[in-house]
Amino acid sequence: MKGRYQVYFERARIPIAAVDGLGRVRESNPAFRSAVARTAEELDGVLAEELLAPGEIDAQRPHWRMLALGRLDVYRTRVRLVRGDGAVICARVSASVEHRADGLPWRAVAVLDEISSAAPVLSPLQGEVLRLVAAGASNAQIARRLYLTRQAVDYHLVRLRAKLGAESRSALAGRAFVLGLFVPGVWPPVLHPPLAGTGAPECGYWTPRN
């Protein structure tokens, strides 16, 4: 950012970064650097995809290329980002293209919001128990469906409540949706597939806009 907008860019509480047509971070404000726990020097010139958690790059790269080629003007998605301290966070990214006078895309300005700690990692069995709870199944139905004892179901529910920070069984589904564990807009509930090599769930969805 240059000129009179520089002061707003620097003081904004919303994390903002500018990425060039090659996908390199060219500018970042203090809020962005704080969100990803990196210095201005560490971010300057780094490929934006290097900030993504494993498994995210292949999913996001085609859409960033569409931005760079001018085929998308606005792109919104939820991604998992790796901070400089190694922690993984979830965030919604809204990127819009600023065009040059000749009509070619110049850079994309990315804004982060809805930042939260990454959703907890669940075992396949825990994920299936959670999915059935969210679908409205009773403990007895879950036990029959998964060939478990009622005591085993109770045990997994206790573990799930602890992992998701839910105070009750009925709160589990709500917490799971808030944490982005389920694919949005799908019923019956479907868990996001794990990130490659991590066992962790995807953070969300993408919505391209022309």
Protein backbone atom coordinates (compact mmCIF):
# COMPACT_ATOMS: atom_id res chain seq x y z
CA MET A 1 0.00 0.00 0.00
CA LYS A 2 1.27 3.44 -0.82
CA GLY A 3 0.22 7.05 -0.35
CA ARG A 4 -2.62 8.12 1.89
CA TYR A 5 -3.95 4.57 2.34
CA GLN A 6 -0.72 3.34 3.92
CA VAL A 7 -1.67 4.56 7.39
CA TYR A 8 -5.03 2.74 7.26
CA PHE A 9 -3.31 -0.40 6.02
CA GLU A 10 -0.82 -0.33 8.87
CA ARG A 11 -3.37 0.46 11.58
CA ALA A 12 -6.13 -1.89 10.45
CA ARG A 13 -7.01 -4.56 12.98
CA ILE A 14 -7.98 -6.89 10.17
CA PRO A 15 -5.09 -9.01 8.82
CA ILE A 16 -4.33 -7.90 5.24
CA ALA A 17 -1.63 -8.98 2.78
CA ALA A 18 -0.94 -8.17 -0.86
CA VAL A 19 0.17 -11.01 -3.14
CA ASP A 20 1.61 -10.47 -6.63
CA GLY A 21 0.74 -12.35 -9.80
CA LEU A 22 3.37 -14.97 -9.04
CA GLY A 23 1.82 -15.73 -5.67
CA ARG A 24 4.48 -13.97 -3.58
CA VAL A 25 3.63 -11.88 -0.52
CA ARG A 26 4.67 -8.30 -1.23
CA GLU A 27 3.10 -6.43 1.67
CA SER A 28 1.53 -7.36 4.99
CA ASN A 29 0.16 -5.26 7.79
CA PRO A 30 0.96 -5.80 11.50
CA ALA A 31 -2.35 -7.59 12.10
CA PHE A 32 -1.53 -10.14 9.39
CA ARG A 33 1.98 -10.68 10.70
CA SER A 34 0.58 -11.20 14.20
CA ALA A 35 -2.03 -13.70 12.94
CA VAL A 36 0.62 -15.87 11.24
CA ALA A 37 3.35 -15.18 13.83
CA ARG A 38 5.92 -14.04 11.28
CA THR A 39 7.96 -10.88 10.78
CA ALA A 40 7.76 -8.57 7.79
CA GLU A 41 11.15 -9.86 6.66
CA GLU A 42 10.00 -13.47 6.88
CA LEU A 43 6.92 -12.75 4.80
CA ASP A 44 8.41 -10.46 2.16
CA GLY A 45 8.67 -12.37 -1.12
CA VAL A 46 7.59 -15.71 0.33
CA LEU A 47 5.15 -17.77 -1.74
CA ALA A 48 1.70 -17.47 -0.16
CA GLU A 49 1.18 -21.21 -0.58
CA GLU A 50 4.07 -21.82 1.82
CA LEU A 51 1.83 -20.47 4.59
CA LEU A 52 -0.73 -23.21 3.97
CA ALA A 53 -0.95 -26.42 5.98
CA PRO A 54 -0.08 -29.69 4.23
CA GLY A 55 -2.90 -30.89 2.02
CA GLU A 56 -4.25 -27.39 1.35
CA ILE A 57 -1.91 -26.37 -1.47
CA ASP A 58 -3.28 -28.64 -4.20
CA ALA A 59 -6.84 -27.59 -3.42
CA GLN A 60 -6.10 -23.86 -3.46
CA ARG A 61 -3.53 -23.53 -6.25
CA PRO A 62 -5.98 -23.75 -9.22
CA HIS A 63 -8.09 -20.92 -7.83
CA TRP A 64 -5.09 -18.70 -7.14
CA ARG A 65 -4.02 -19.27 -10.73
CA MET A 66 -7.47 -18.18 -11.90
CA LEU A 67 -7.05 -14.99 -9.88
CA ALA A 68 -3.62 -14.38 -11.39
CA LEU A 69 -4.98 -14.89 -14.92
CA GLY A 70 -7.90 -12.56 -14.34
CA ARG A 71 -10.52 -15.32 -14.56
CA LEU A 72 -11.69 -14.59 -11.02
CA ASP A 73 -12.09 -11.17 -9.44
CA VAL A 74 -12.99 -12.38 -5.95
CA TYR A 75 -12.21 -15.64 -4.20
CA ARG A 76 -13.35 -16.71 -0.73
CA THR A 77 -12.32 -19.85 1.06
CA ARG A 78 -11.51 -21.35 4.43
CA VAL A 79 -8.00 -22.67 4.85
CA ARG A 80 -5.60 -24.03 7.42
CA LEU A 81 -2.49 -21.88 7.87
CA VAL A 82 0.77 -22.74 9.62
CA ARG A 83 2.01 -19.99 11.90
CA GLY A 84 5.67 -19.23 12.38
CA ASP A 85 5.53 -20.95 15.77
CA GLY A 86 4.24 -24.15 14.16
CA ALA A 87 0.65 -23.83 15.36
CA VAL A 88 -2.10 -24.47 12.81
CA ILE A 89 -5.03 -22.06 12.56
CA CYS A 90 -8.21 -21.95 10.53
CA ALA A 91 -9.20 -18.73 8.79
CA ARG A 92 -11.53 -17.45 6.13
CA VAL A 93 -9.62 -15.77 3.31
CA SER A 94 -11.21 -13.21 1.02
CA ALA A 95 -8.98 -12.27 -1.92
CA SER A 96 -9.77 -9.64 -4.55
CA VAL A 97 -7.75 -8.62 -7.59
CA GLU A 98 -6.51 -5.10 -8.27
CA HIS A 99 -6.10 -4.61 -12.02
CA ARG A 100 -3.53 -2.57 -13.89
CA ALA A 101 -4.47 0.12 -16.39
CA ASP A 102 -4.07 -2.36 -19.26
CA GLY A 103 -6.62 -4.68 -17.66
CA LEU A 104 -4.16 -7.34 -16.60
CA PRO A 105 -4.26 -8.47 -12.95
CA TRP A 106 -1.64 -6.73 -10.86
CA ARG A 107 -2.00 -8.23 -7.43
CA ALA A 108 -4.49 -9.84 -5.07
CA VAL A 109 -5.29 -8.32 -1.70
CA ALA A 110 -6.10 -11.03 0.85
CA VAL A 111 -8.01 -10.40 4.07
CA LEU A 112 -8.24 -12.89 6.94
CA ASP A 113 -11.15 -13.19 9.32
CA GLU A 114 -12.92 -15.79 11.46
CA ILE A 115 -9.52 -16.93 12.70
CA SER A 116 -9.57 -19.80 15.18
CA SER A 117 -7.45 -22.66 16.38
CA ALA A 118 -7.58 -25.64 14.07
CA ALA A 119 -10.22 -28.23 14.82
CA PRO A 120 -9.05 -31.15 16.97
CA VAL A 121 -7.95 -34.36 15.32
CA LEU A 122 -10.44 -37.22 15.70
CA SER A 123 -9.93 -40.91 15.17
CA PRO A 124 -12.08 -42.50 12.43
CA LEU A 125 -14.28 -44.12 15.08
CA GLN A 126 -14.70 -40.87 17.01
CA GLY A 127 -15.58 -39.12 13.77
CA GLU A 128 -18.28 -41.68 13.00
CA VAL A 129 -19.73 -41.43 16.51
CA LEU A 130 -19.81 -37.64 16.17
CA ARG A 131 -21.44 -37.84 12.75
CA LEU A 132 -24.19 -40.11 14.06
CA VAL A 133 -24.78 -37.86 17.07
CA ALA A 134 -25.15 -34.87 14.74
CA ALA A 135 -27.60 -36.88 12.60
CA GLY A 136 -29.79 -37.42 15.67
CA ALA A 137 -28.97 -41.05 16.48
CA SER A 138 -29.44 -42.26 20.04
CA ASN A 139 -26.68 -43.98 21.99
CA ALA A 140 -28.39 -47.32 21.42
CA GLN A 141 -28.60 -46.69 17.66
CA ILE A 142 -24.93 -45.68 17.54
CA ALA A 143 -23.97 -48.85 19.42
CA ARG A 144 -25.89 -51.05 16.96
CA ARG A 145 -24.60 -49.20 13.89
CA LEU A 146 -20.95 -49.36 14.93
CA TYR A 147 -21.08 -52.73 16.70
CA LEU A 148 -20.11 -51.19 20.03
CA THR A 149 -21.30 -51.68 23.57
CA ARG A 150 -23.29 -48.91 25.21
CA GLN A 151 -20.37 -48.40 27.58
CA ALA A 152 -18.02 -47.90 24.62
CA VAL A 153 -20.35 -45.30 23.12
CA ASP A 154 -20.50 -43.47 26.46
CA TYR A 155 -16.69 -43.52 26.61
CA HIS A 156 -16.32 -42.03 23.12
CA LEU A 157 -18.89 -39.35 23.89
CA VAL A 158 -16.95 -38.33 27.00
CA ARG A 159 -13.76 -38.12 24.91
CA LEU A 160 -15.53 -36.12 22.20
CA ARG A 161 -16.97 -33.66 24.70
CA ALA A 162 -13.48 -33.09 26.10
CA LYS A 163 -11.87 -32.65 22.67
CA LEU A 164 -14.53 -30.30 21.33
CA GLY A 165 -15.12 -28.39 24.53
CA ALA A 166 -18.82 -29.32 24.60
CA GLU A 167 -20.57 -29.34 27.96
CA SER A 168 -23.18 -31.89 26.96
CA ARG A 169 -24.03 -34.50 24.34
CA SER A 170 -26.53 -32.13 22.75
CA ALA A 171 -23.84 -29.46 22.36
CA LEU A 172 -21.49 -31.77 20.43
CA ALA A 173 -23.11 -31.24 17.03
CA GLY A 174 -23.15 -27.45 17.41
CA ARG A 175 -19.48 -27.37 18.42
CA ALA A 176 -18.57 -29.63 15.50
CA PHE A 177 -20.24 -27.29 12.99
CA VAL A 178 -18.62 -24.22 14.59
CA LEU A 179 -15.19 -25.86 14.39
CA GLY A 180 -15.69 -26.69 10.71
CA LEU A 181 -15.61 -30.45 11.15
CA PHE A 182 -18.61 -31.00 8.87
CA VAL A 183 -19.01 -30.13 5.21
CA PRO A 184 -21.36 -27.11 5.16
CA GLY A 185 -24.75 -27.39 3.49
CA VAL A 186 -24.81 -31.21 3.47
CA TRP A 187 -27.36 -33.43 5.23
CA PRO A 188 -27.00 -35.97 6.75
CA PRO A 189 -23.77 -34.56 8.21
CA VAL A 190 -20.55 -35.46 6.40
CA LEU A 191 -17.14 -35.02 7.99
CA HIS A 192 -14.45 -33.25 6.02
CA PRO A 193 -11.78 -35.66 4.76
CA PRO A 194 -8.46 -35.55 6.63
CA LEU A 195 -5.60 -33.45 5.37
CA ALA A 196 -2.98 -35.56 3.64
CA GLY A 197 -0.53 -36.98 6.12
CA THR A 198 -2.00 -35.22 9.16
CA GLY A 199 -5.23 -36.96 10.10
CA ALA A 200 -6.67 -33.48 10.64
CA PRO A 201 -9.95 -32.34 9.07
CA GLU A 202 -10.25 -29.82 6.28
CA CYS A 203 -11.08 -26.31 7.39
CA GLY A 204 -13.96 -25.58 5.06
CA TYR A 205 -15.01 -24.73 1.55
CA TRP A 206 -14.24 -22.42 -1.35
CA THR A 207 -16.52 -20.04 -3.18
CA PRO A 208 -15.17 -18.47 -6.38
CA ARG A 209 -16.92 -15.36 -7.68
CA ASN A 210 -16.55 -13.64 -11.02
